[in-house]
Amino acid sequence: MKKILVINGPNLNRLGLREPDVYGQRTLIDLETLVVDYGLGRSCEVTCKQSNHEGEIIDWIHESDAFSGIVLNPGAFTHYSYAIRDAIASVQVPVIEVHISNVHARESFRHHSVTAPVSSGQIVGLGFGGYKLAIDALLAKGEDGWNESNN
């Protein structure tokens, strides 16, 4: 059974409370339940983690060799964490960057991602559904010709 690691970064523990007009009313627990159940329906084990601390996220990325892939929502770290960027670049595990909102339709500082260039792909603006698409992409890796050279 393939294993996928889902990492949510800072402030995502505030889903349902923080800017519900942007992120909706569902909570982090709702998101984690959704992705775990979605994975099980595809014969995949999904492990979810959330942290507001950059170093903890880096440690999880470094320790990801038992996983087939990582779904990462770095939150605000997307825009300035070269440390998370370097952690992604240091592992062989493919990473799909996900954002619940369409960051390109929001404030200009959100338009640039320092983590996207070292990620296998980026999904933005599709709500919780973006996580499902990222899981599907990671599960399809190697089955449909998708590989790192397609970046």
Protein backbone atom coordinates (compact mmCIF):
# COMPACT_ATOMS: atom_id res chain seq x y z
CA MET A 1 0.00 0.00 0.00
CA LYS A 2 1.36 3.41 -0.97
CA LYS A 3 1.74 6.00 1.75
CA ILE A 4 1.21 9.75 1.31
CA LEU A 5 2.24 12.42 3.81
CA VAL A 6 0.05 15.53 3.98
CA ILE A 7 1.74 18.49 5.68
CA ASN A 8 -0.19 21.67 6.44
CA GLY A 9 1.74 24.74 7.52
CA PRO A 10 1.06 27.79 9.66
CA ASN A 11 -2.44 28.95 10.46
CA LEU A 12 -4.12 26.00 8.76
CA ASN A 13 -5.11 24.84 12.24
CA ARG A 14 -7.42 27.90 12.10
CA LEU A 15 -9.45 26.63 9.15
CA GLY A 16 -13.13 27.31 9.74
CA LEU A 17 -12.27 30.32 11.90
CA ARG A 18 -9.73 32.27 9.84
CA GLU A 19 -11.15 34.23 6.90
CA PRO A 20 -14.09 31.89 6.18
CA ASP A 21 -14.88 33.97 3.08
CA VAL A 22 -11.51 32.84 1.66
CA TYR A 23 -11.03 29.37 3.18
CA GLY A 24 -14.60 28.26 3.91
CA GLN A 25 -16.21 27.02 7.10
CA ARG A 26 -14.70 23.53 7.22
CA THR A 27 -11.97 22.79 9.75
CA LEU A 28 -8.57 21.15 9.64
CA ILE A 29 -10.17 18.04 11.16
CA ASP A 30 -12.65 18.04 8.27
CA LEU A 31 -9.76 18.29 5.79
CA GLU A 32 -7.76 15.53 7.45
CA THR A 33 -10.79 13.23 7.59
CA LEU A 34 -11.46 13.91 3.91
CA VAL A 35 -7.92 13.10 2.75
CA VAL A 36 -7.53 10.01 4.95
CA ASP A 37 -10.86 8.62 3.69
CA TYR A 38 -10.01 9.58 0.11
CA GLY A 39 -6.69 7.76 0.38
CA LEU A 40 -8.28 4.64 1.84
CA GLY A 41 -10.69 4.57 -1.09
CA ARG A 42 -7.64 4.40 -3.36
CA SER A 43 -5.79 1.78 -1.30
CA CYS A 44 -3.46 4.44 0.05
CA GLU A 45 -2.51 5.30 3.61
CA VAL A 46 -2.54 9.05 4.28
CA THR A 47 -0.77 10.54 7.29
CA CYS A 48 -1.62 14.15 8.19
CA LYS A 49 0.52 16.63 10.09
CA GLN A 50 0.16 20.35 10.79
CA SER A 51 2.59 22.79 12.34
CA ASN A 52 3.02 26.51 12.77
CA HIS A 53 6.78 25.93 13.13
CA GLU A 54 9.13 25.95 10.16
CA GLY A 55 11.69 23.59 11.71
CA GLU A 56 9.09 20.93 12.44
CA ILE A 57 7.91 21.01 8.81
CA ILE A 58 11.53 20.70 7.65
CA ASP A 59 12.06 17.70 9.95
CA TRP A 60 8.96 15.96 8.53
CA ILE A 61 10.19 16.52 4.98
CA HIS A 62 13.63 15.15 5.91
CA GLU A 63 12.00 12.06 7.48
CA SER A 64 9.69 11.35 4.51
CA ASP A 65 11.61 8.50 2.87
CA ALA A 66 8.94 5.95 3.91
CA PHE A 67 6.32 7.82 1.85
CA SER A 68 5.50 7.69 -1.86
CA GLY A 69 4.88 11.42 -1.91
CA ILE A 70 4.11 14.56 0.03
CA VAL A 71 1.14 16.91 -0.32
CA LEU A 72 2.39 20.19 1.15
CA ASN A 73 0.49 23.36 1.93
CA PRO A 74 3.30 25.53 3.29
CA GLY A 75 0.93 28.40 4.10
CA ALA A 76 2.76 31.72 4.34
CA PHE A 77 6.11 29.87 4.31
CA THR A 78 5.44 29.43 0.58
CA HIS A 79 6.55 32.97 -0.08
CA TYR A 80 9.78 33.20 1.88
CA SER A 81 11.00 29.94 3.42
CA TYR A 82 14.17 29.05 1.60
CA ALA A 83 14.75 26.54 4.40
CA ILE A 84 11.61 24.57 3.42
CA ARG A 85 12.55 25.00 -0.24
CA ASP A 86 15.97 23.47 0.48
CA ALA A 87 14.39 20.63 2.49
CA ILE A 88 12.17 19.74 -0.49
CA ALA A 89 15.18 19.83 -2.81
CA SER A 90 17.13 17.55 -0.46
CA VAL A 91 14.73 14.58 -0.63
CA GLN A 92 13.84 12.16 -3.41
CA VAL A 93 10.16 12.04 -2.43
CA PRO A 94 7.95 13.98 -4.88
CA VAL A 95 6.12 16.98 -3.42
CA ILE A 96 2.93 18.55 -4.71
CA GLU A 97 2.36 22.07 -3.36
CA VAL A 98 -1.30 22.79 -2.62
CA HIS A 99 -3.16 25.97 -1.69
CA ILE A 100 -6.85 26.08 -0.78
CA SER A 101 -7.35 29.58 -2.18
CA ASN A 102 -6.20 30.92 -5.52
CA VAL A 103 -3.07 32.67 -4.30
CA HIS A 104 -2.65 34.35 -7.69
CA ALA A 105 -5.96 36.18 -7.26
CA ARG A 106 -5.04 37.51 -3.82
CA GLU A 107 -2.50 40.01 -2.47
CA SER A 108 0.58 40.43 -4.66
CA PHE A 109 2.97 39.05 -2.02
CA ARG A 110 1.16 35.69 -2.36
CA HIS A 111 1.85 35.43 -6.10
CA HIS A 112 5.41 34.15 -5.70
CA SER A 113 6.30 30.72 -4.33
CA VAL A 114 9.88 29.87 -3.40
CA THR A 115 8.87 26.23 -2.90
CA ALA A 116 7.14 25.64 -6.27
CA PRO A 117 10.35 25.45 -8.35
CA VAL A 118 11.52 22.40 -6.38
CA SER A 119 8.08 20.79 -6.14
CA SER A 120 6.76 18.31 -8.69
CA GLY A 121 3.62 20.39 -9.19
CA GLN A 122 1.36 23.05 -7.74
CA ILE A 123 -2.42 23.08 -7.29
CA VAL A 124 -4.13 26.32 -6.25
CA GLY A 125 -7.64 27.60 -5.76
CA LEU A 126 -9.57 24.32 -5.76
CA GLY A 127 -10.36 24.23 -2.07
CA PHE A 128 -10.07 20.92 -0.27
CA GLY A 129 -10.43 19.23 -3.66
CA GLY A 130 -6.88 20.29 -4.49
CA TYR A 131 -5.61 17.83 -1.89
CA LYS A 132 -7.51 14.99 -3.59
CA LEU A 133 -6.00 15.94 -6.95
CA ALA A 134 -2.54 16.00 -5.41
CA ILE A 135 -3.05 12.51 -3.94
CA ASP A 136 -4.26 11.27 -7.34
CA ALA A 137 -1.19 12.77 -9.03
CA LEU A 138 1.18 11.14 -6.56
CA LEU A 139 -0.55 7.78 -6.91
CA ALA A 140 -0.38 8.05 -10.72
CA LYS A 141 3.35 8.76 -10.67
CA GLY A 142 5.07 6.09 -12.73
CA GLU A 143 1.80 4.64 -14.02
CA ASP A 144 1.03 7.17 -16.75
CA GLY A 145 4.48 8.35 -17.72
CA TRP A 146 4.51 11.22 -15.21
CA ASN A 147 8.00 11.62 -13.84
CA GLU A 148 10.35 14.25 -12.49
CA SER A 149 11.73 15.04 -15.96
CA ASN A 150 8.28 16.36 -16.93
CA ASN A 151 8.73 19.35 -14.59
